[in-house]
Amino acid sequence: MNLEYELKYHQIEENYWWFQARRDMVFRLVQRLQLPRTAPILEIGCSGGPLLQRLAGQGYTNLTGIDVSEAGIAVAQQRGIPNVSCMDGARLNFPDASFDLVIASDVLEHIQDEAQALREWGRVLRPGGQLLVFVPAFSFLWGKHDEVNQHFRRYSAGQLTGALRRAGFAVQRHSYWNVGLFFPTAAVRLLNRLNPPRPTPGQALKDDFFATPPLLNTLLRGFIVAENRVLQALNAPVGVSVFSLARKPAA
């Protein structure tokens, strides 16, 4: 990840509407699994640890977090979050069958060897364990934001589920996420492709995380959280992101 963007990410991830709304959706999906509060859970790409904090606040006691970013892990440690370490998400230093649930939100698109990462995530899951993956959706939405983030790809639902099945997972559910902002995002990305902005010499690449006044931040978060309530039970046909819930075979 671009260093300038990485520092910005850690500064805004706790309170920015997009991150808050995505964590809300991840948390809702975890809650629906009805895991024991003692179930071992690994978050790959935990950054500064806000999701781990929320899970711990709801009584989950066996949490582990890793991130490739030393700065992110330092933030998590400063917040007093235990069991976090700097580690490559495609080469995990955990024994086989260590976890009941692995969560990877916006991680897989950063890893060049997709198959290697999914094999590793399956390896550390116990038989019957579950994997929850969020990734950016649709190649035609590719933009400067992806370049700043050093993404290798965006995914359709079919591409994500296909990769999971090739890795030996049984896909239980897939859906797009952030439906309400899909059409405005698609319009902006396509317009930029047709009429790309002229780069200014020395100007840094721009990401999509624009400054939002507190009221707008609250409204956007509330809008997507309301959508999350619907997506707990229904699958969406389009969205800015896509997620899958998959299970490692029990045998």
C-alpha atoms as a PDB file:
ATOM      1  CA  MET A   1       0.000   0.000   0.000  1.00  0.00           C
ATOM      2  CA  ASN A   2       1.166   3.524  -0.768  1.00  0.00           C
ATOM      3  CA  LEU A   3       2.817   4.852   2.424  1.00  0.00           C
ATOM      4  CA  GLU A   4       1.012   8.192   2.348  1.00  0.00           C
ATOM      5  CA  TYR A   5      -2.319   6.437   1.912  1.00  0.00           C
ATOM      6  CA  GLU A   6      -1.455   3.892   4.622  1.00  0.00           C
ATOM      7  CA  LEU A   7      -0.925   6.645   7.186  1.00  0.00           C
ATOM      8  CA  LYS A   8      -4.199   8.297   6.150  1.00  0.00           C
ATOM      9  CA  TYR A   9      -6.005   4.945   6.410  1.00  0.00           C
ATOM     10  CA  HIS A  10      -4.958   4.416  10.016  1.00  0.00           C
ATOM     11  CA  GLN A  11      -6.003   7.946  10.916  1.00  0.00           C
ATOM     12  CA  ILE A  12      -9.535   7.710   9.531  1.00  0.00           C
ATOM     13  CA  GLU A  13     -10.518   4.029   9.791  1.00  0.00           C
ATOM     14  CA  GLU A  14     -12.132   4.302  13.225  1.00  0.00           C
ATOM     15  CA  ASN A  15     -14.641   7.066  12.466  1.00  0.00           C
ATOM     16  CA  TYR A  16     -14.974   7.324   8.685  1.00  0.00           C
ATOM     17  CA  TRP A  17     -18.454   6.327   7.474  1.00  0.00           C
ATOM     18  CA  TRP A  18     -17.308   3.728   4.932  1.00  0.00           C
ATOM     19  CA  PHE A  19     -15.143   1.801   7.399  1.00  0.00           C
ATOM     20  CA  GLN A  20     -17.768   1.995  10.120  1.00  0.00           C
ATOM     21  CA  ALA A  21     -20.471   0.684   7.776  1.00  0.00           C
ATOM     22  CA  ARG A  22     -18.324  -2.182   6.517  1.00  0.00           C
ATOM     23  CA  ARG A  23     -17.391  -3.213  10.068  1.00  0.00           C
ATOM     24  CA  ASP A  24     -21.083  -3.141  10.914  1.00  0.00           C
ATOM     25  CA  MET A  25     -21.832  -5.557   8.073  1.00  0.00           C
ATOM     26  CA  VAL A  26     -18.956  -7.862   8.992  1.00  0.00           C
ATOM     27  CA  PHE A  27     -20.092  -7.871  12.609  1.00  0.00           C
ATOM     28  CA  ARG A  28     -23.679  -8.688  11.633  1.00  0.00           C
ATOM     29  CA  LEU A  29     -22.497 -11.628   9.523  1.00  0.00           C
ATOM     30  CA  VAL A  30     -20.302 -12.913  12.357  1.00  0.00           C
ATOM     31  CA  GLN A  31     -23.209 -12.655  14.802  1.00  0.00           C
ATOM     32  CA  ARG A  32     -25.423 -14.709  12.475  1.00  0.00           C
ATOM     33  CA  LEU A  33     -22.913 -17.564  12.619  1.00  0.00           C
ATOM     34  CA  GLN A  34     -23.758 -17.983  16.321  1.00  0.00           C
ATOM     35  CA  LEU A  35     -20.247 -19.081  17.216  1.00  0.00           C
ATOM     36  CA  PRO A  36     -19.376 -19.718  20.855  1.00  0.00           C
ATOM     37  CA  ARG A  37     -17.821 -16.627  22.417  1.00  0.00           C
ATOM     38  CA  THR A  38     -14.682 -18.742  22.996  1.00  0.00           C
ATOM     39  CA  ALA A  39     -14.324 -19.720  19.304  1.00  0.00           C
ATOM     40  CA  PRO A  40     -10.861 -18.869  17.931  1.00  0.00           C
ATOM     41  CA  ILE A  41     -11.212 -16.095  15.328  1.00  0.00           C
ATOM     42  CA  LEU A  42      -8.488 -14.685  13.088  1.00  0.00           C
ATOM     43  CA  GLU A  43      -8.778 -11.329  11.346  1.00  0.00           C
ATOM     44  CA  ILE A  44      -6.378 -10.981   8.414  1.00  0.00           C
ATOM     45  CA  GLY A  45      -5.753  -7.315   7.689  1.00  0.00           C
ATOM     46  CA  CYS A  46      -6.814  -6.120  11.146  1.00  0.00           C
ATOM     47  CA  SER A  47      -5.071  -2.740  10.718  1.00  0.00           C
ATOM     48  CA  GLY A  48      -5.491  -0.723  13.944  1.00  0.00           C
ATOM     49  CA  GLY A  49      -7.937  -3.270  15.340  1.00  0.00           C
ATOM     50  CA  PRO A  50     -11.373  -1.562  15.445  1.00  0.00           C
ATOM     51  CA  LEU A  51     -13.238  -4.750  14.431  1.00  0.00           C
ATOM     52  CA  LEU A  52     -11.343  -6.777  17.039  1.00  0.00           C
ATOM     53  CA  GLN A  53     -12.317  -4.163  19.613  1.00  0.00           C
ATOM     54  CA  ARG A  54     -15.985  -4.477  18.702  1.00  0.00           C
ATOM     55  CA  LEU A  55     -15.883  -8.268  18.817  1.00  0.00           C
ATOM     56  CA  ALA A  56     -14.138  -8.177  22.193  1.00  0.00           C
ATOM     57  CA  GLY A  57     -16.752  -5.722  23.433  1.00  0.00           C
ATOM     58  CA  GLN A  58     -19.448  -8.278  22.569  1.00  0.00           C
ATOM     59  CA  GLY A  59     -17.748 -11.002  24.591  1.00  0.00           C
ATOM     60  CA  TYR A  60     -15.567 -12.817  22.041  1.00  0.00           C
ATOM     61  CA  THR A  61     -12.497 -13.871  23.985  1.00  0.00           C
ATOM     62  CA  ASN A  62     -10.247 -15.787  21.569  1.00  0.00           C
ATOM     63  CA  LEU A  63      -9.283 -13.170  18.973  1.00  0.00           C
ATOM     64  CA  THR A  64      -6.134 -12.899  16.870  1.00  0.00           C
ATOM     65  CA  GLY A  65      -5.249 -10.183  14.386  1.00  0.00           C
ATOM     66  CA  ILE A  66      -2.520  -9.849  11.779  1.00  0.00           C
ATOM     67  CA  ASP A  67      -1.604  -7.171   9.269  1.00  0.00           C
ATOM     68  CA  VAL A  68       1.269  -6.641   6.855  1.00  0.00           C
ATOM     69  CA  SER A  69       1.463  -3.018   8.032  1.00  0.00           C
ATOM     70  CA  GLU A  70       3.801  -2.414  10.948  1.00  0.00           C
ATOM     71  CA  ALA A  71       2.145   0.975  11.444  1.00  0.00           C
ATOM     72  CA  GLY A  72      -1.290  -0.636  11.702  1.00  0.00           C
ATOM     73  CA  ILE A  73      -0.137  -3.196  14.248  1.00  0.00           C
ATOM     74  CA  ALA A  74       1.535  -0.426  16.258  1.00  0.00           C
ATOM     75  CA  VAL A  75      -1.815   1.422  16.401  1.00  0.00           C
ATOM     76  CA  ALA A  76      -3.586  -1.757  17.551  1.00  0.00           C
ATOM     77  CA  GLN A  77      -0.990  -2.336  20.265  1.00  0.00           C
ATOM     78  CA  GLN A  78      -1.285   1.272  21.421  1.00  0.00           C
ATOM     79  CA  ARG A  79      -5.018   0.663  21.805  1.00  0.00           C
ATOM     80  CA  GLY A  80      -4.231  -2.272  24.085  1.00  0.00           C
ATOM     81  CA  ILE A  81      -5.497  -4.951  21.698  1.00  0.00           C
ATOM     82  CA  PRO A  82      -3.812  -8.298  22.511  1.00  0.00           C
ATOM     83  CA  ASN A  83      -2.709 -11.037  20.096  1.00  0.00           C
ATOM     84  CA  VAL A  84      -1.906  -8.820  17.121  1.00  0.00           C
ATOM     85  CA  SER A  85       1.232  -9.140  15.016  1.00  0.00           C
ATOM     86  CA  CYS A  86       2.775  -8.113  11.703  1.00  0.00           C
ATOM     87  CA  MET A  87       2.482 -10.980   9.225  1.00  0.00           C
ATOM     88  CA  ASP A  88       2.079 -11.658   5.511  1.00  0.00           C
ATOM     89  CA  GLY A  89      -1.523 -12.676   4.860  1.00  0.00           C
ATOM     90  CA  ALA A  90      -0.398 -15.226   2.262  1.00  0.00           C
ATOM     91  CA  ARG A  91       2.160 -16.892   4.558  1.00  0.00           C
ATOM     92  CA  LEU A  92       0.681 -17.420   7.990  1.00  0.00           C
ATOM     93  CA  ASN A  93       2.757 -18.481  10.976  1.00  0.00           C
ATOM     94  CA  PHE A  94      -0.018 -20.479  12.616  1.00  0.00           C
ATOM     95  CA  PRO A  95      -0.397 -24.258  12.948  1.00  0.00           C
ATOM     96  CA  ASP A  96      -2.892 -26.118  10.794  1.00  0.00           C
ATOM     97  CA  ALA A  97      -6.517 -26.080  11.964  1.00  0.00           C
ATOM     98  CA  SER A  98      -6.080 -23.222  14.453  1.00  0.00           C
ATOM     99  CA  PHE A  99      -9.269 -21.198  13.917  1.00  0.00           C
ATOM    100  CA  ASP A 100     -13.041 -21.586  13.633  1.00  0.00           C
ATOM    101  CA  LEU A 101     -13.433 -18.371  11.639  1.00  0.00           C
ATOM    102  CA  VAL A 102     -11.102 -16.354   9.404  1.00  0.00           C
ATOM    103  CA  ILE A 103     -12.140 -12.820   8.401  1.00  0.00           C
ATOM    104  CA  ALA A 104     -10.411 -11.011   5.519  1.00  0.00           C
ATOM    105  CA  SER A 105     -11.921  -7.642   4.603  1.00  0.00           C
ATOM    106  CA  ASP A 106     -10.348  -5.991   1.553  1.00  0.00           C
ATOM    107  CA  VAL A 107      -7.210  -8.118   1.723  1.00  0.00           C
ATOM    108  CA  LEU A 108      -7.337 -10.644  -1.113  1.00  0.00           C
ATOM    109  CA  GLU A 109      -7.146  -8.000  -3.846  1.00  0.00           C
ATOM    110  CA  HIS A 110      -3.796  -6.832  -2.392  1.00  0.00           C
ATOM    111  CA  ILE A 111      -2.195 -10.283  -2.736  1.00  0.00           C
ATOM    112  CA  GLN A 112      -0.752 -11.177  -6.127  1.00  0.00           C
ATOM    113  CA  ASP A 113      -0.903 -14.953  -5.586  1.00  0.00           C
ATOM    114  CA  GLU A 114      -4.601 -15.342  -4.838  1.00  0.00           C
ATOM    115  CA  ALA A 115      -4.482 -19.149  -4.803  1.00  0.00           C
ATOM    116  CA  GLN A 116      -1.610 -19.221  -2.287  1.00  0.00           C
ATOM    117  CA  ALA A 117      -3.479 -16.907   0.074  1.00  0.00           C
ATOM    118  CA  LEU A 118      -6.686 -18.948  -0.067  1.00  0.00           C
ATOM    119  CA  ARG A 119      -4.765 -22.184   0.510  1.00  0.00           C
ATOM    120  CA  GLU A 120      -3.185 -20.644   3.607  1.00  0.00           C
ATOM    121  CA  TRP A 121      -6.513 -19.398   4.905  1.00  0.00           C
ATOM    122  CA  GLY A 122      -7.983 -22.853   4.438  1.00  0.00           C
ATOM    123  CA  ARG A 123      -4.976 -24.494   6.083  1.00  0.00           C
ATOM    124  CA  VAL A 124      -5.374 -22.578   9.355  1.00  0.00           C
ATOM    125  CA  LEU A 125      -9.124 -23.225   9.506  1.00  0.00           C
ATOM    126  CA  ARG A 126     -10.400 -26.205  11.417  1.00  0.00           C
ATOM    127  CA  PRO A 127     -12.470 -28.735   9.437  1.00  0.00           C
ATOM    128  CA  GLY A 128     -15.914 -27.168   9.163  1.00  0.00           C
ATOM    129  CA  GLY A 129     -14.467 -23.721   9.900  1.00  0.00           C
ATOM    130  CA  GLN A 130     -15.695 -20.678   7.999  1.00  0.00           C
ATOM    131  CA  LEU A 131     -14.109 -17.922   5.932  1.00  0.00           C
ATOM    132  CA  LEU A 132     -15.652 -14.473   5.461  1.00  0.00           C
ATOM    133  CA  VAL A 133     -14.113 -12.453   2.594  1.00  0.00           C
ATOM    134  CA  PHE A 134     -14.875  -8.914   1.389  1.00  0.00           C
ATOM    135  CA  VAL A 135     -13.274  -7.550  -1.809  1.00  0.00           C
ATOM    136  CA  PRO A 136     -13.874  -4.614  -4.197  1.00  0.00           C
ATOM    137  CA  ALA A 137     -16.387  -5.401  -6.924  1.00  0.00           C
ATOM    138  CA  PHE A 138     -16.323  -5.259 -10.727  1.00  0.00           C
ATOM    139  CA  SER A 139     -13.294  -4.689 -12.922  1.00  0.00           C
ATOM    140  CA  PHE A 140     -15.048  -1.845 -14.765  1.00  0.00           C
ATOM    141  CA  LEU A 141     -15.002   0.142 -11.493  1.00  0.00           C
ATOM    142  CA  TRP A 142     -11.198   0.135 -11.524  1.00  0.00           C
ATOM    143  CA  GLY A 143      -9.846   3.619 -10.825  1.00  0.00           C
ATOM    144  CA  LYS A 144      -7.108   5.681  -9.228  1.00  0.00           C
ATOM    145  CA  HIS A 145      -8.284   4.466  -5.823  1.00  0.00           C
ATOM    146  CA  ASP A 146      -7.250   0.931  -6.790  1.00  0.00           C
ATOM    147  CA  GLU A 147      -3.846   2.147  -7.928  1.00  0.00           C
ATOM    148  CA  VAL A 148      -3.233   4.037  -4.681  1.00  0.00           C
ATOM    149  CA  ASN A 149      -4.236   0.918  -2.769  1.00  0.00           C
ATOM    150  CA  GLN A 150      -1.975  -1.257  -4.939  1.00  0.00           C
ATOM    151  CA  HIS A 151      -4.781  -3.640  -5.851  1.00  0.00           C
ATOM    152  CA  PHE A 152      -4.123  -6.484  -8.250  1.00  0.00           C
ATOM    153  CA  ARG A 153      -7.777  -7.019  -9.162  1.00  0.00           C
ATOM    154  CA  ARG A 154     -11.440  -6.365  -8.472  1.00  0.00           C
ATOM    155  CA  TYR A 155     -13.983  -9.197  -8.407  1.00  0.00           C
ATOM    156  CA  SER A 156     -17.407 -10.142  -9.618  1.00  0.00           C
ATOM    157  CA  ALA A 157     -19.384 -12.456  -7.353  1.00  0.00           C
ATOM    158  CA  GLY A 158     -18.696 -15.288  -9.786  1.00  0.00           C
ATOM    159  CA  GLN A 159     -14.960 -14.644  -9.800  1.00  0.00           C
ATOM    160  CA  LEU A 160     -14.797 -14.602  -6.008  1.00  0.00           C
ATOM    161  CA  THR A 161     -16.843 -17.755  -5.529  1.00  0.00           C
ATOM    162  CA  GLY A 162     -14.877 -19.473  -8.304  1.00  0.00           C
ATOM    163  CA  ALA A 163     -11.580 -18.716  -6.555  1.00  0.00           C
ATOM    164  CA  LEU A 164     -12.951 -20.019  -3.263  1.00  0.00           C
ATOM    165  CA  ARG A 165     -14.204 -23.242  -4.829  1.00  0.00           C
ATOM    166  CA  ARG A 166     -10.884 -23.847  -6.579  1.00  0.00           C
ATOM    167  CA  ALA A 167      -9.255 -23.535  -3.163  1.00  0.00           C
ATOM    168  CA  GLY A 168     -11.512 -26.290  -1.822  1.00  0.00           C
ATOM    169  CA  PHE A 169     -14.126 -24.203  -0.005  1.00  0.00           C
ATOM    170  CA  ALA A 170     -17.867 -24.768  -0.117  1.00  0.00           C
ATOM    171  CA  VAL A 171     -19.466 -21.370  -0.754  1.00  0.00           C
ATOM    172  CA  GLN A 172     -22.481 -20.847   1.490  1.00  0.00           C
ATOM    173  CA  ARG A 173     -23.409 -17.341   0.497  1.00  0.00           C
ATOM    174  CA  HIS A 174     -22.290 -14.453  -1.700  1.00  0.00           C
ATOM    175  CA  SER A 175     -23.684 -10.972  -2.151  1.00  0.00           C
ATOM    176  CA  TYR A 176     -22.694  -7.516  -3.245  1.00  0.00           C
ATOM    177  CA  TRP A 177     -22.432  -4.795  -0.604  1.00  0.00           C
ATOM    178  CA  ASN A 178     -22.818  -0.998  -0.623  1.00  0.00           C
ATOM    179  CA  VAL A 179     -25.618  -1.119  -3.167  1.00  0.00           C
ATOM    180  CA  GLY A 180     -26.879   2.430  -2.722  1.00  0.00           C
ATOM    181  CA  LEU A 181     -23.609   4.003  -3.829  1.00  0.00           C
ATOM    182  CA  PHE A 182     -23.013   1.597  -6.708  1.00  0.00           C
ATOM    183  CA  PHE A 183     -24.630   3.697  -9.440  1.00  0.00           C
ATOM    184  CA  PRO A 184     -23.037   7.033  -8.440  1.00  0.00           C
ATOM    185  CA  THR A 185     -19.660   5.301  -8.121  1.00  0.00           C
ATOM    186  CA  ALA A 186     -20.054   3.590 -11.500  1.00  0.00           C
ATOM    187  CA  ALA A 187     -21.044   6.872 -13.157  1.00  0.00           C
ATOM    188  CA  VAL A 188     -18.018   8.729 -11.758  1.00  0.00           C
ATOM    189  CA  ARG A 189     -15.574   5.943 -12.659  1.00  0.00           C
ATOM    190  CA  LEU A 190     -16.898   5.610 -16.204  1.00  0.00           C
ATOM    191  CA  LEU A 191     -16.884   9.372 -16.766  1.00  0.00           C
ATOM    192  CA  ASN A 192     -13.301   9.542 -15.534  1.00  0.00           C
ATOM    193  CA  ARG A 193     -12.403   6.788 -17.965  1.00  0.00           C
ATOM    194  CA  LEU A 194     -14.030   8.601 -20.887  1.00  0.00           C
ATOM    195  CA  ASN A 195     -12.587  11.967 -19.890  1.00  0.00           C
ATOM    196  CA  PRO A 196      -9.628  11.293 -17.607  1.00  0.00           C
ATOM    197  CA  PRO A 197      -8.526  14.240 -15.457  1.00  0.00           C
ATOM    198  CA  ARG A 198      -5.236  15.715 -16.569  1.00  0.00           C
ATOM    199  CA  PRO A 199      -2.515  14.873 -14.036  1.00  0.00           C
ATOM    200  CA  THR A 200      -0.634  17.777 -12.519  1.00  0.00           C
ATOM    201  CA  PRO A 201       3.161  17.297 -12.379  1.00  0.00           C
ATOM    202  CA  GLY A 202       4.119  16.114  -8.905  1.00  0.00           C
ATOM    203  CA  GLN A 203       0.505  15.562  -7.880  1.00  0.00           C
ATOM    204  CA  ALA A 204      -0.107  12.422  -5.819  1.00  0.00           C
ATOM    205  CA  LEU A 205      -2.706   9.873  -6.873  1.00  0.00           C
ATOM    206  CA  LYS A 206      -6.106  10.459  -5.267  1.00  0.00           C
ATOM    207  CA  ASP A 207      -8.074   7.873  -3.326  1.00  0.00           C
ATOM    208  CA  ASP A 208     -11.845   7.855  -2.795  1.00  0.00           C
ATOM    209  CA  PHE A 209     -11.790   8.764   0.895  1.00  0.00           C
ATOM    210  CA  PHE A 210     -12.765  12.407   0.705  1.00  0.00           C
ATOM    211  CA  ALA A 211     -13.180  14.579   3.788  1.00  0.00           C
ATOM    212  CA  THR A 212     -16.770  14.506   5.045  1.00  0.00           C
ATOM    213  CA  PRO A 213     -18.357  16.945   7.493  1.00  0.00           C
ATOM    214  CA  PRO A 214     -19.667  15.250  10.661  1.00  0.00           C
ATOM    215  CA  LEU A 215     -23.318  15.457   9.606  1.00  0.00           C
ATOM    216  CA  LEU A 216     -22.661  13.973   6.163  1.00  0.00           C
ATOM    217  CA  ASN A 217     -20.462  11.286   7.732  1.00  0.00           C
ATOM    218  CA  THR A 218     -23.341  10.334  10.047  1.00  0.00           C
ATOM    219  CA  LEU A 219     -25.905  10.327   7.226  1.00  0.00           C
ATOM    220  CA  LEU A 220     -23.788   8.154   4.927  1.00  0.00           C
ATOM    221  CA  ARG A 221     -23.033   5.707   7.723  1.00  0.00           C
ATOM    222  CA  GLY A 222     -26.698   5.519   8.674  1.00  0.00           C
ATOM    223  CA  PHE A 223     -27.751   4.964   5.056  1.00  0.00           C
ATOM    224  CA  ILE A 224     -25.428   1.999   4.559  1.00  0.00           C
ATOM    225  CA  VAL A 225     -26.112   0.541   8.021  1.00  0.00           C
ATOM    226  CA  ALA A 226     -29.823   0.544   7.141  1.00  0.00           C
ATOM    227  CA  GLU A 227     -28.901  -1.311   3.953  1.00  0.00           C
ATOM    228  CA  ASN A 228     -26.854  -3.756   6.045  1.00  0.00           C
ATOM    229  CA  ARG A 229     -29.990  -4.762   7.953  1.00  0.00           C
ATOM    230  CA  VAL A 230     -31.573  -5.833   4.670  1.00  0.00           C
ATOM    231  CA  LEU A 231     -28.422  -7.616   3.478  1.00  0.00           C
ATOM    232  CA  GLN A 232     -28.363  -9.754   6.603  1.00  0.00           C
ATOM    233  CA  ALA A 233     -31.010 -11.903   4.944  1.00  0.00           C
ATOM    234  CA  LEU A 234     -31.063 -10.903   1.253  1.00  0.00           C
ATOM    235  CA  ASN A 235     -28.381 -11.012  -1.448  1.00  0.00           C
ATOM    236  CA  ALA A 236     -27.823  -7.957  -3.632  1.00  0.00           C
ATOM    237  CA  PRO A 237     -27.198  -8.189  -7.403  1.00  0.00           C
ATOM    238  CA  VAL A 238     -24.793  -5.205  -7.573  1.00  0.00           C
ATOM    239  CA  GLY A 239     -22.636  -3.162  -5.221  1.00  0.00           C
ATOM    240  CA  VAL A 240     -19.305  -1.450  -4.783  1.00  0.00           C
ATOM    241  CA  SER A 241     -17.972  -4.481  -2.876  1.00  0.00           C
ATOM    242  CA  VAL A 242     -18.734  -8.184  -2.877  1.00  0.00           C
ATOM    243  CA  PHE A 243     -18.505 -10.702  -0.053  1.00  0.00           C
ATOM    244  CA  SER A 244     -18.616 -14.454   0.327  1.00  0.00           C
ATOM    245  CA  LEU A 245     -19.081 -16.758   3.279  1.00  0.00           C
ATOM    246  CA  ALA A 246     -17.452 -20.139   2.685  1.00  0.00           C
ATOM    247  CA  ARG A 247     -16.830 -23.284   4.709  1.00  0.00           C
ATOM    248  CA  LYS A 248     -13.880 -25.634   4.833  1.00  0.00           C
ATOM    249  CA  PRO A 249     -15.145 -29.195   4.319  1.00  0.00           C
ATOM    250  CA  ALA A 250     -15.546 -31.094   7.581  1.00  0.00           C
ATOM    251  CA  ALA A 251     -13.912 -34.250   6.216  1.00  0.00           C
END
